[in-house]
Amino acid sequence: MAMGGISSHTANGNYPLSKIKVSDLHLSLPPSLSLLLQAPKIAIWKDQRLDYLDIPKGLVELLQINGFTIEMILEYGPSKIAENLGIDDYVAQIIFNETSNAIISFNANSLQ
């Protein structure tokens, strides 16, 4: 018999639940998630020109957090934007198109 008159296992052969110390648990994250947590993306400088693009604020913030500039968007193109941000290709295409249109409009207005 164990402490308190309870046997070490029940009549049907199963063992009762026992307490586990938290220090005995060893949890780990999958490698891909661990890498994301270890190296957060923090942009030191944000391209404020992105605020003038006609895209949702959340996309502007995503671009800024990841250090994108107007020049990078135009240089990378939609597929590389999608890959770097982990977004759908069609959303990256919208970002690229809007950036291109904004630059064309800005250049046209500056020539007048």
PDB file of N, CA and C in Angstrom:
ATOM      1  N   MET A   1       0.822  -1.186   0.000  1.00  0.00           N
ATOM      2  CA  MET A   1       0.000   0.000   0.000  1.00  0.00           C
ATOM      3  C   MET A   1       0.867   1.252   0.000  1.00  0.00           C
ATOM      4  N   ALA A   2       0.444   2.254  -0.754  1.00  0.00           N
ATOM      5  CA  ALA A   2       1.148   3.537  -0.792  1.00  0.00           C
ATOM      6  C   ALA A   2       0.596   4.433   0.302  1.00  0.00           C
ATOM      7  N   MET A   3       1.073   5.659   0.336  1.00  0.00           N
ATOM      8  CA  MET A   3       0.636   6.600   1.357  1.00  0.00           C
ATOM      9  C   MET A   3      -0.870   6.767   1.363  1.00  0.00           C
ATOM     10  N   GLY A   4      -1.443   6.925   2.556  1.00  0.00           N
ATOM     11  CA  GLY A   4      -2.854   7.198   2.677  1.00  0.00           C
ATOM     12  C   GLY A   4      -3.726   6.012   2.340  1.00  0.00           C
ATOM     13  N   GLY A   5      -3.207   4.832   2.258  1.00  0.00           N
ATOM     14  CA  GLY A   5      -4.000   3.645   1.994  1.00  0.00           C
ATOM     15  C   GLY A   5      -4.354   3.442   0.539  1.00  0.00           C
ATOM     16  N   ILE A   6      -3.738   4.178  -0.375  1.00  0.00           N
ATOM     17  CA  ILE A   6      -4.023   4.011  -1.804  1.00  0.00           C
ATOM     18  C   ILE A   6      -2.935   3.136  -2.384  1.00  0.00           C
ATOM     19  N   SER A   7      -3.324   2.113  -3.115  1.00  0.00           N
ATOM     20  CA  SER A   7      -2.319   1.219  -3.705  1.00  0.00           C
ATOM     21  C   SER A   7      -1.654   1.905  -4.878  1.00  0.00           C
ATOM     22  N   SER A   8      -0.525   1.360  -5.332  1.00  0.00           N
ATOM     23  CA  SER A   8       0.223   1.968  -6.418  1.00  0.00           C
ATOM     24  C   SER A   8      -0.476   1.823  -7.760  1.00  0.00           C
ATOM     25  N   HIS A   9      -1.441   0.958  -7.878  1.00  0.00           N
ATOM     26  CA  HIS A   9      -2.233   0.889  -9.093  1.00  0.00           C
ATOM     27  C   HIS A   9      -3.651   0.465  -8.736  1.00  0.00           C
ATOM     28  N   THR A  10      -4.573   0.736  -9.652  1.00  0.00           N
ATOM     29  CA  THR A  10      -5.979   0.461  -9.387  1.00  0.00           C
ATOM     30  C   THR A  10      -6.280  -0.999  -9.651  1.00  0.00           C
ATOM     31  N   ALA A  11      -7.510  -1.393  -9.329  1.00  0.00           N
ATOM     32  CA  ALA A  11      -7.926  -2.793  -9.468  1.00  0.00           C
ATOM     33  C   ALA A  11      -7.838  -3.277 -10.913  1.00  0.00           C
ATOM     34  N   ASN A  12      -8.040  -2.401 -11.883  1.00  0.00           N
ATOM     35  CA  ASN A  12      -7.990  -2.852 -13.282  1.00  0.00           C
ATOM     36  C   ASN A  12      -6.587  -2.753 -13.873  1.00  0.00           C
ATOM     37  N   GLY A  13      -5.577  -2.451 -13.041  1.00  0.00           N
ATOM     38  CA  GLY A  13      -4.194  -2.446 -13.502  1.00  0.00           C
ATOM     39  C   GLY A  13      -3.690  -1.110 -13.986  1.00  0.00           C
ATOM     40  N   ASN A  14      -4.524  -0.085 -14.036  1.00  0.00           N
ATOM     41  CA  ASN A  14      -4.086   1.244 -14.470  1.00  0.00           C
ATOM     42  C   ASN A  14      -3.440   1.980 -13.308  1.00  0.00           C
ATOM     43  N   TYR A  15      -2.516   2.830 -13.611  1.00  0.00           N
ATOM     44  CA  TYR A  15      -1.872   3.637 -12.585  1.00  0.00           C
ATOM     45  C   TYR A  15      -2.619   4.965 -12.459  1.00  0.00           C
ATOM     46  N   PRO A  16      -2.771   5.468 -11.260  1.00  0.00           N
ATOM     47  CA  PRO A  16      -3.473   6.744 -11.081  1.00  0.00           C
ATOM     48  C   PRO A  16      -2.612   7.903 -11.579  1.00  0.00           C
ATOM     49  N   LEU A  17      -3.262   9.034 -11.818  1.00  0.00           N
ATOM     50  CA  LEU A  17      -2.530  10.232 -12.224  1.00  0.00           C
ATOM     51  C   LEU A  17      -1.618  10.667 -11.099  1.00  0.00           C
ATOM     52  N   SER A  18      -0.492  11.168 -11.435  1.00  0.00           N
ATOM     53  CA  SER A  18       0.424  11.658 -10.418  1.00  0.00           C
ATOM     54  C   SER A  18       0.838  13.078 -10.756  1.00  0.00           C
ATOM     55  N   LYS A  19       1.319  13.803  -9.784  1.00  0.00           N
ATOM     56  CA  LYS A  19       1.751  15.182  -9.983  1.00  0.00           C
ATOM     57  C   LYS A  19       3.125  15.195 -10.638  1.00  0.00           C
ATOM     58  N   ILE A  20       3.321  16.188 -11.498  1.00  0.00           N
ATOM     59  CA  ILE A  20       4.608  16.367 -12.160  1.00  0.00           C
ATOM     60  C   ILE A  20       5.088  17.766 -11.836  1.00  0.00           C
ATOM     61  N   LYS A  21       6.326  17.902 -11.472  1.00  0.00           N
ATOM     62  CA  LYS A  21       6.884  19.228 -11.228  1.00  0.00           C
ATOM     63  C   LYS A  21       7.103  19.922 -12.564  1.00  0.00           C
ATOM     64  N   VAL A  22       6.785  21.208 -12.605  1.00  0.00           N
ATOM     65  CA  VAL A  22       6.963  21.983 -13.832  1.00  0.00           C
ATOM     66  C   VAL A  22       8.425  21.952 -14.285  1.00  0.00           C
ATOM     67  N   SER A  23       9.345  21.921 -13.347  1.00  0.00           N
ATOM     68  CA  SER A  23      10.768  21.896 -13.715  1.00  0.00           C
ATOM     69  C   SER A  23      11.149  20.598 -14.422  1.00  0.00           C
ATOM     70  N   ASP A  24      10.306  19.565 -14.311  1.00  0.00           N
ATOM     71  CA  ASP A  24      10.585  18.298 -14.983  1.00  0.00           C
ATOM     72  C   ASP A  24      10.166  18.324 -16.460  1.00  0.00           C
ATOM     73  N   LEU A  25       9.343  19.306 -16.845  1.00  0.00           N
ATOM     74  CA  LEU A  25       8.875  19.387 -18.228  1.00  0.00           C
ATOM     75  C   LEU A  25       9.899  20.094 -19.089  1.00  0.00           C
ATOM     76  N   HIS A  26      10.132  19.571 -20.254  1.00  0.00           N
ATOM     77  CA  HIS A  26      11.052  20.191 -21.209  1.00  0.00           C
ATOM     78  C   HIS A  26      10.300  20.355 -22.519  1.00  0.00           C
ATOM     79  N   LEU A  27       9.823  21.577 -22.768  1.00  0.00           N
ATOM     80  CA  LEU A  27       9.077  21.868 -23.974  1.00  0.00           C
ATOM     81  C   LEU A  27       9.993  22.531 -24.985  1.00  0.00           C
ATOM     82  N   SER A  28       9.755  22.262 -26.246  1.00  0.00           N
ATOM     83  CA  SER A  28      10.546  22.922 -27.278  1.00  0.00           C
ATOM     84  C   SER A  28       9.648  23.274 -28.446  1.00  0.00           C
ATOM     85  N   LEU A  29      10.034  24.290 -29.181  1.00  0.00           N
ATOM     86  CA  LEU A  29       9.297  24.737 -30.351  1.00  0.00           C
ATOM     87  C   LEU A  29       9.907  24.116 -31.596  1.00  0.00           C
ATOM     88  N   PRO A  30       9.094  23.985 -32.646  1.00  0.00           N
ATOM     89  CA  PRO A  30       9.661  23.509 -33.910  1.00  0.00           C
ATOM     90  C   PRO A  30      10.760  24.468 -34.367  1.00  0.00           C
ATOM     91  N   PRO A  31      11.777  23.975 -35.058  1.00  0.00           N
ATOM     92  CA  PRO A  31      12.901  24.822 -35.475  1.00  0.00           C
ATOM     93  C   PRO A  31      12.479  26.073 -36.243  1.00  0.00           C
ATOM     94  N   SER A  32      11.491  25.959 -37.122  1.00  0.00           N
ATOM     95  CA  SER A  32      11.090  27.121 -37.912  1.00  0.00           C
ATOM     96  C   SER A  32      10.513  28.218 -37.031  1.00  0.00           C
ATOM     97  N   LEU A  33       9.732  27.855 -36.030  1.00  0.00           N
ATOM     98  CA  LEU A  33       9.152  28.844 -35.131  1.00  0.00           C
ATOM     99  C   LEU A  33      10.210  29.409 -34.198  1.00  0.00           C
ATOM    100  N   SER A  34      11.127  28.589 -33.773  1.00  0.00           N
ATOM    101  CA  SER A  34      12.207  29.051 -32.903  1.00  0.00           C
ATOM    102  C   SER A  34      13.031  30.132 -33.589  1.00  0.00           C
ATOM    103  N   LEU A  35      13.319  29.939 -34.876  1.00  0.00           N
ATOM    104  CA  LEU A  35      14.109  30.924 -35.610  1.00  0.00           C
ATOM    105  C   LEU A  35      13.379  32.254 -35.717  1.00  0.00           C
ATOM    106  N   LEU A  36      12.052  32.190 -35.922  1.00  0.00           N
ATOM    107  CA  LEU A  36      11.278  33.411 -36.017  1.00  0.00           C
ATOM    108  C   LEU A  36      11.296  34.183 -34.702  1.00  0.00           C
ATOM    109  N   LEU A  37      11.229  33.470 -33.602  1.00  0.00           N
ATOM    110  CA  LEU A  37      11.210  34.120 -32.306  1.00  0.00           C
ATOM    111  C   LEU A  37      12.577  34.671 -31.920  1.00  0.00           C
ATOM    112  N   GLN A  38      13.629  34.033 -32.384  1.00  0.00           N
ATOM    113  CA  GLN A  38      14.977  34.468 -32.037  1.00  0.00           C
ATOM    114  C   GLN A  38      15.401  35.705 -32.809  1.00  0.00           C
ATOM    115  N   ALA A  39      14.909  35.866 -34.003  1.00  0.00           N
ATOM    116  CA  ALA A  39      15.347  36.982 -34.842  1.00  0.00           C
ATOM    117  C   ALA A  39      14.149  37.811 -35.293  1.00  0.00           C
ATOM    118  N   PRO A  40      13.587  38.618 -34.387  1.00  0.00           N
ATOM    119  CA  PRO A  40      12.438  39.434 -34.795  1.00  0.00           C
ATOM    120  C   PRO A  40      12.861  40.465 -35.829  1.00  0.00           C
ATOM    121  N   LYS A  41      11.939  40.768 -36.709  1.00  0.00           N
ATOM    122  CA  LYS A  41      12.217  41.754 -37.744  1.00  0.00           C
ATOM    123  C   LYS A  41      11.826  43.124 -37.206  1.00  0.00           C
ATOM    124  N   ILE A  42      12.804  43.978 -37.046  1.00  0.00           N
ATOM    125  CA  ILE A  42      12.546  45.321 -36.555  1.00  0.00           C
ATOM    126  C   ILE A  42      13.223  46.291 -37.507  1.00  0.00           C
ATOM    127  N   ALA A  43      12.429  47.131 -38.112  1.00  0.00           N
ATOM    128  CA  ALA A  43      12.983  48.136 -39.008  1.00  0.00           C
ATOM    129  C   ALA A  43      13.411  49.340 -38.183  1.00  0.00           C
ATOM    130  N   ILE A  44      14.622  49.762 -38.361  1.00  0.00           N
ATOM    131  CA  ILE A  44      15.127  50.931 -37.638  1.00  0.00           C
ATOM    132  C   ILE A  44      14.570  52.199 -38.280  1.00  0.00           C
ATOM    133  N   TRP A  45      14.512  52.219 -39.590  1.00  0.00           N
ATOM    134  CA  TRP A  45      14.018  53.370 -40.325  1.00  0.00           C
ATOM    135  C   TRP A  45      12.831  52.924 -41.146  1.00  0.00           C
ATOM    136  N   LYS A  46      11.751  53.697 -41.102  1.00  0.00           N
ATOM    137  CA  LYS A  46      10.565  53.368 -41.875  1.00  0.00           C
ATOM    138  C   LYS A  46      10.398  54.377 -42.997  1.00  0.00           C
ATOM    139  N   ASP A  47      10.149  53.858 -44.171  1.00  0.00           N
ATOM    140  CA  ASP A  47       9.921  54.724 -45.331  1.00  0.00           C
ATOM    141  C   ASP A  47       8.518  55.320 -45.204  1.00  0.00           C
ATOM    142  N   GLN A  48       8.453  56.577 -44.806  1.00  0.00           N
ATOM    143  CA  GLN A  48       7.164  57.244 -44.585  1.00  0.00           C
ATOM    144  C   GLN A  48       6.379  57.424 -45.878  1.00  0.00           C
ATOM    145  N   ARG A  49       7.039  57.333 -47.014  1.00  0.00           N
ATOM    146  CA  ARG A  49       6.342  57.461 -48.299  1.00  0.00           C
ATOM    147  C   ARG A  49       5.332  56.336 -48.500  1.00  0.00           C
ATOM    148  N   LEU A  50       5.559  55.206 -47.814  1.00  0.00           N
ATOM    149  CA  LEU A  50       4.620  54.085 -47.938  1.00  0.00           C
ATOM    150  C   LEU A  50       3.236  54.455 -47.422  1.00  0.00           C
ATOM    151  N   ASP A  51       3.169  55.412 -46.496  1.00  0.00           N
ATOM    152  CA  ASP A  51       1.875  55.858 -45.955  1.00  0.00           C
ATOM    153  C   ASP A  51       0.986  56.475 -47.026  1.00  0.00           C
ATOM    154  N   TYR A  52       1.569  56.942 -48.120  1.00  0.00           N
ATOM    155  CA  TYR A  52       0.811  57.604 -49.177  1.00  0.00           C
ATOM    156  C   TYR A  52       0.290  56.637 -50.236  1.00  0.00           C
ATOM    157  N   LEU A  53       0.658  55.371 -50.131  1.00  0.00           N
ATOM    158  CA  LEU A  53       0.145  54.381 -51.079  1.00  0.00           C
ATOM    159  C   LEU A  53      -1.318  54.093 -50.777  1.00  0.00           C
ATOM    160  N   ASP A  54      -2.076  53.828 -51.809  1.00  0.00           N
ATOM    161  CA  ASP A  54      -3.497  53.541 -51.647  1.00  0.00           C
ATOM    162  C   ASP A  54      -3.697  52.036 -51.419  1.00  0.00           C
ATOM    163  N   ILE A  55      -3.176  51.572 -50.289  1.00  0.00           N
ATOM    164  CA  ILE A  55      -3.331  50.180 -49.868  1.00  0.00           C
ATOM    165  C   ILE A  55      -3.725  50.188 -48.393  1.00  0.00           C
ATOM    166  N   PRO A  56      -4.294  49.087 -47.887  1.00  0.00           N
ATOM    167  CA  PRO A  56      -4.701  49.057 -46.482  1.00  0.00           C
ATOM    168  C   PRO A  56      -3.546  49.352 -45.517  1.00  0.00           C
ATOM    169  N   LYS A  57      -3.879  50.017 -44.428  1.00  0.00           N
ATOM    170  CA  LYS A  57      -2.894  50.406 -43.414  1.00  0.00           C
ATOM    171  C   LYS A  57      -2.098  49.200 -42.919  1.00  0.00           C
ATOM    172  N   GLY A  58      -2.754  48.062 -42.763  1.00  0.00           N
ATOM    173  CA  GLY A  58      -2.075  46.848 -42.297  1.00  0.00           C
ATOM    174  C   GLY A  58      -0.963  46.415 -43.236  1.00  0.00           C
ATOM    175  N   LEU A  59      -1.175  46.579 -44.536  1.00  0.00           N
ATOM    176  CA  LEU A  59      -0.127  46.236 -45.506  1.00  0.00           C
ATOM    177  C   LEU A  59       1.026  47.223 -45.429  1.00  0.00           C
ATOM    178  N   VAL A  60       0.699  48.499 -45.239  1.00  0.00           N
ATOM    179  CA  VAL A  60       1.750  49.512 -45.080  1.00  0.00           C
ATOM    180  C   VAL A  60       2.606  49.166 -43.859  1.00  0.00           C
ATOM    181  N   GLU A  61       1.955  48.827 -42.755  1.00  0.00           N
ATOM    182  CA  GLU A  61       2.688  48.468 -41.537  1.00  0.00           C
ATOM    183  C   GLU A  61       3.541  47.232 -41.748  1.00  0.00           C
ATOM    184  N   LEU A  62       3.004  46.233 -42.460  1.00  0.00           N
ATOM    185  CA  LEU A  62       3.767  45.022 -42.754  1.00  0.00           C
ATOM    186  C   LEU A  62       5.020  45.351 -43.559  1.00  0.00           C
ATOM    187  N   LEU A  63       4.865  46.206 -44.550  1.00  0.00           N
ATOM    188  CA  LEU A  63       6.016  46.621 -45.361  1.00  0.00           C
ATOM    189  C   LEU A  63       7.044  47.359 -44.503  1.00  0.00           C
ATOM    190  N   GLN A  64       6.579  48.273 -43.664  1.00  0.00           N
ATOM    191  CA  GLN A  64       7.489  49.063 -42.833  1.00  0.00           C
ATOM    192  C   GLN A  64       8.200  48.203 -41.793  1.00  0.00           C
ATOM    193  N   ILE A  65       7.485  47.309 -41.152  1.00  0.00           N
ATOM    194  CA  ILE A  65       8.086  46.433 -40.143  1.00  0.00           C
ATOM    195  C   ILE A  65       9.196  45.590 -40.758  1.00  0.00           C
ATOM    196  N   ASN A  66       9.009  45.211 -42.006  1.00  0.00           N
ATOM    197  CA  ASN A  66       9.989  44.371 -42.689  1.00  0.00           C
ATOM    198  C   ASN A  66      11.045  45.180 -43.445  1.00  0.00           C
ATOM    199  N   GLY A  67      11.071  46.490 -43.212  1.00  0.00           N
ATOM    200  CA  GLY A  67      12.128  47.328 -43.768  1.00  0.00           C
ATOM    201  C   GLY A  67      12.015  47.656 -45.241  1.00  0.00           C
ATOM    202  N   PHE A  68      10.837  47.501 -45.826  1.00  0.00           N
ATOM    203  CA  PHE A  68      10.669  47.793 -47.248  1.00  0.00           C
ATOM    204  C   PHE A  68      10.664  49.294 -47.503  1.00  0.00           C
ATOM    205  N   THR A  69      11.177  49.663 -48.650  1.00  0.00           N
ATOM    206  CA  THR A  69      11.122  51.042 -49.138  1.00  0.00           C
ATOM    207  C   THR A  69      10.433  51.014 -50.494  1.00  0.00           C
ATOM    208  N   ILE A  70      10.087  52.195 -50.985  1.00  0.00           N
ATOM    209  CA  ILE A  70       9.492  52.294 -52.324  1.00  0.00           C
ATOM    210  C   ILE A  70      10.430  51.665 -53.355  1.00  0.00           C
ATOM    211  N   GLU A  71      11.702  51.971 -53.234  1.00  0.00           N
ATOM    212  CA  GLU A  71      12.692  51.447 -54.185  1.00  0.00           C
ATOM    213  C   GLU A  71      12.770  49.920 -54.131  1.00  0.00           C
ATOM    214  N   MET A  72      12.726  49.366 -52.933  1.00  0.00           N
ATOM    215  CA  MET A  72      12.791  47.903 -52.798  1.00  0.00           C
ATOM    216  C   MET A  72      11.581  47.239 -53.442  1.00  0.00           C
ATOM    217  N   ILE A  73      10.409  47.826 -53.248  1.00  0.00           N
ATOM    218  CA  ILE A  73       9.186  47.261 -53.838  1.00  0.00           C
ATOM    219  C   ILE A  73       9.321  47.211 -55.350  1.00  0.00           C
ATOM    220  N   LEU A  74       9.779  48.316 -55.931  1.00  0.00           N
ATOM    221  CA  LEU A  74       9.930  48.370 -57.393  1.00  0.00           C
ATOM    222  C   LEU A  74      11.025  47.442 -57.889  1.00  0.00           C
ATOM    223  N   GLU A  75      12.099  47.313 -57.119  1.00  0.00           N
ATOM    224  CA  GLU A  75      13.213  46.442 -57.506  1.00  0.00           C
ATOM    225  C   GLU A  75      12.850  44.963 -57.374  1.00  0.00           C
ATOM    226  N   TYR A  76      12.199  44.609 -56.272  1.00  0.00           N
ATOM    227  CA  TYR A  76      11.899  43.194 -55.997  1.00  0.00           C
ATOM    228  C   TYR A  76      10.843  42.623 -56.926  1.00  0.00           C
ATOM    229  N   GLY A  77       9.800  43.378 -57.200  1.00  0.00           N
ATOM    230  CA  GLY A  77       8.695  42.848 -57.980  1.00  0.00           C
ATOM    231  C   GLY A  77       7.775  42.003 -57.101  1.00  0.00           C
ATOM    232  N   PRO A  78       6.604  41.670 -57.623  1.00  0.00           N
ATOM    233  CA  PRO A  78       5.573  40.987 -56.829  1.00  0.00           C
ATOM    234  C   PRO A  78       5.979  39.639 -56.234  1.00  0.00           C
ATOM    235  N   SER A  79       6.679  38.807 -56.993  1.00  0.00           N
ATOM    236  CA  SER A  79       6.980  37.463 -56.487  1.00  0.00           C
ATOM    237  C   SER A  79       7.939  37.499 -55.297  1.00  0.00           C
ATOM    238  N   LYS A  80       8.942  38.364 -55.360  1.00  0.00           N
ATOM    239  CA  LYS A  80       9.892  38.452 -54.253  1.00  0.00           C
ATOM    240  C   LYS A  80       9.265  39.140 -53.040  1.00  0.00           C
ATOM    241  N   ILE A  81       8.365  40.095 -53.269  1.00  0.00           N
ATOM    242  CA  ILE A  81       7.633  40.732 -52.170  1.00  0.00           C
ATOM    243  C   ILE A  81       6.802  39.676 -51.451  1.00  0.00           C
ATOM    244  N   ALA A  82       6.073  38.864 -52.230  1.00  0.00           N
ATOM    245  CA  ALA A  82       5.229  37.814 -51.653  1.00  0.00           C
ATOM    246  C   ALA A  82       6.061  36.824 -50.850  1.00  0.00           C
ATOM    247  N   GLU A  83       7.175  36.439 -51.392  1.00  0.00           N
ATOM    248  CA  GLU A  83       8.065  35.482 -50.721  1.00  0.00           C
ATOM    249  C   GLU A  83       8.615  36.047 -49.409  1.00  0.00           C
ATOM    250  N   ASN A  84       9.102  37.281 -49.453  1.00  0.00           N
ATOM    251  CA  ASN A  84       9.706  37.893 -48.265  1.00  0.00           C
ATOM    252  C   ASN A  84       8.695  38.171 -47.156  1.00  0.00           C
ATOM    253  N   LEU A  85       7.470  38.542 -47.540  1.00  0.00           N
ATOM    254  CA  LEU A  85       6.461  38.882 -46.536  1.00  0.00           C
ATOM    255  C   LEU A  85       5.571  37.702 -46.166  1.00  0.00           C
ATOM    256  N   GLY A  86       5.624  36.628 -46.957  1.00  0.00           N
ATOM    257  CA  GLY A  86       4.768  35.478 -46.684  1.00  0.00           C
ATOM    258  C   GLY A  86       3.303  35.770 -46.978  1.00  0.00           C
ATOM    259  N   ILE A  87       3.057  36.520 -48.047  1.00  0.00           N
ATOM    260  CA  ILE A  87       1.695  36.868 -48.436  1.00  0.00           C
ATOM    261  C   ILE A  87       1.378  36.256 -49.789  1.00  0.00           C
ATOM    262  N   ASP A  88       0.102  36.279 -50.158  1.00  0.00           N
ATOM    263  CA  ASP A  88      -0.316  35.739 -51.453  1.00  0.00           C
ATOM    264  C   ASP A  88       0.230  36.597 -52.593  1.00  0.00           C
ATOM    265  N   ASP A  89       0.448  35.946 -53.725  1.00  0.00           N
ATOM    266  CA  ASP A  89       1.001  36.644 -54.891  1.00  0.00           C
ATOM    267  C   ASP A  89       0.113  37.801 -55.349  1.00  0.00           C
ATOM    268  N   TYR A  90      -1.216  37.603 -55.293  1.00  0.00           N
ATOM    269  CA  TYR A  90      -2.102  38.654 -55.784  1.00  0.00           C
ATOM    270  C   TYR A  90      -2.054  39.890 -54.882  1.00  0.00           C
ATOM    271  N   VAL A  91      -1.819  39.711 -53.588  1.00  0.00           N
ATOM    272  CA  VAL A  91      -1.687  40.853 -52.670  1.00  0.00           C
ATOM    273  C   VAL A  91      -0.374  41.580 -52.972  1.00  0.00           C
ATOM    274  N   ALA A  92       0.677  40.831 -53.207  1.00  0.00           N
ATOM    275  CA  ALA A  92       1.964  41.438 -53.560  1.00  0.00           C
ATOM    276  C   ALA A  92       1.847  42.192 -54.894  1.00  0.00           C
ATOM    277  N   GLN A  93       1.061  41.656 -55.816  1.00  0.00           N
ATOM    278  CA  GLN A  93       0.851  42.321 -57.099  1.00  0.00           C
ATOM    279  C   GLN A  93       0.144  43.659 -56.895  1.00  0.00           C
ATOM    280  N   ILE A  94      -0.829  43.698 -55.983  1.00  0.00           N
ATOM    281  CA  ILE A  94      -1.536  44.951 -55.671  1.00  0.00           C
ATOM    282  C   ILE A  94      -0.559  45.974 -55.103  1.00  0.00           C
ATOM    283  N   ILE A  95       0.297  45.539 -54.177  1.00  0.00           N
ATOM    284  CA  ILE A  95       1.302  46.435 -53.579  1.00  0.00           C
ATOM    285  C   ILE A  95       2.222  46.988 -54.669  1.00  0.00           C
ATOM    286  N   PHE A  96       2.711  46.104 -55.525  1.00  0.00           N
ATOM    287  CA  PHE A  96       3.624  46.508 -56.590  1.00  0.00           C
ATOM    288  C   PHE A  96       2.943  47.478 -57.554  1.00  0.00           C
ATOM    289  N   ASN A  97       1.718  47.143 -57.987  1.00  0.00           N
ATOM    290  CA  ASN A  97       0.994  48.000 -58.934  1.00  0.00           C
ATOM    291  C   ASN A  97       0.722  49.382 -58.341  1.00  0.00           C
ATOM    292  N   GLU A  98       0.284  49.414 -57.091  1.00  0.00           N
ATOM    293  CA  GLU A  98      -0.013  50.694 -56.454  1.00  0.00           C
ATOM    294  C   GLU A  98       1.246  51.537 -56.296  1.00  0.00           C
ATOM    295  N   THR A  99       2.349  50.900 -55.949  1.00  0.00           N
ATOM    296  CA  THR A  99       3.617  51.626 -55.817  1.00  0.00           C
ATOM    297  C   THR A  99       4.046  52.188 -57.163  1.00  0.00           C
ATOM    298  N   SER A 100       3.942  51.380 -58.201  1.00  0.00           N
ATOM    299  CA  SER A 100       4.300  51.831 -59.555  1.00  0.00           C
ATOM    300  C   SER A 100       3.425  53.000 -59.989  1.00  0.00           C
ATOM    301  N   ASN A 101       2.122  52.887 -59.755  1.00  0.00           N
ATOM    302  CA  ASN A 101       1.199  53.960 -60.129  1.00  0.00           C
ATOM    303  C   ASN A 101       1.469  55.238 -59.340  1.00  0.00           C
ATOM    304  N   ALA A 102       1.793  55.092 -58.063  1.00  0.00           N
ATOM    305  CA  ALA A 102       2.077  56.260 -57.232  1.00  0.00           C
ATOM    306  C   ALA A 102       3.329  56.983 -57.721  1.00  0.00           C
ATOM    307  N   ILE A 103       4.333  56.239 -58.126  1.00  0.00           N
ATOM    308  CA  ILE A 103       5.576  56.837 -58.635  1.00  0.00           C
ATOM    309  C   ILE A 103       5.302  57.550 -59.958  1.00  0.00           C
ATOM    310  N   ILE A 104       4.528  56.929 -60.822  1.00  0.00           N
ATOM    311  CA  ILE A 104       4.186  57.553 -62.111  1.00  0.00           C
ATOM    312  C   ILE A 104       3.418  58.848 -61.871  1.00  0.00           C
ATOM    313  N   SER A 105       2.438  58.824 -60.946  1.00  0.00           N
ATOM    314  CA  SER A 105       1.661  60.022 -60.634  1.00  0.00           C
ATOM    315  C   SER A 105       2.532  61.115 -60.024  1.00  0.00           C
ATOM    316  N   PHE A 106       3.423  60.716 -59.119  1.00  0.00           N
ATOM    317  CA  PHE A 106       4.303  61.685 -58.489  1.00  0.00           C
ATOM    318  C   PHE A 106       5.213  62.352 -59.520  1.00  0.00           C
ATOM    319  N   ASN A 107       5.794  61.524 -60.386  1.00  0.00           N
ATOM    320  CA  ASN A 107       6.690  62.069 -61.420  1.00  0.00           C
ATOM    321  C   ASN A 107       5.948  62.975 -62.371  1.00  0.00           C
ATOM    322  N   ALA A 108       4.714  62.620 -62.736  1.00  0.00           N
ATOM    323  CA  ALA A 108       3.921  63.452 -63.649  1.00  0.00           C
ATOM    324  C   ALA A 108       3.581  64.783 -62.990  1.00  0.00           C
ATOM    325  N   ASN A 109       3.242  64.742 -61.698  1.00  0.00           N
ATOM    326  CA  ASN A 109       2.898  65.979 -60.978  1.00  0.00           C
ATOM    327  C   ASN A 109       4.120  66.866 -60.771  1.00  0.00           C
ATOM    328  N   SER A 110       5.281  66.277 -60.580  1.00  0.00           N
ATOM    329  CA  SER A 110       6.486  67.066 -60.333  1.00  0.00           C
ATOM    330  C   SER A 110       6.982  67.761 -61.608  1.00  0.00           C
ATOM    331  N   LEU A 111       6.572  67.247 -62.777  1.00  0.00           N
ATOM    332  CA  LEU A 111       6.990  67.850 -64.037  1.00  0.00           C
ATOM    333  C   LEU A 111       6.128  69.060 -64.405  1.00  0.00           C
ATOM    334  N   GLN A 112       4.984  69.195 -63.778  1.00  0.00           N
ATOM    335  CA  GLN A 112       4.062  70.296 -64.122  1.00  0.00           C
ATOM    336  C   GLN A 112       4.417  71.568 -63.423  1.00  0.00           C
TER     337      GLN A 112
END
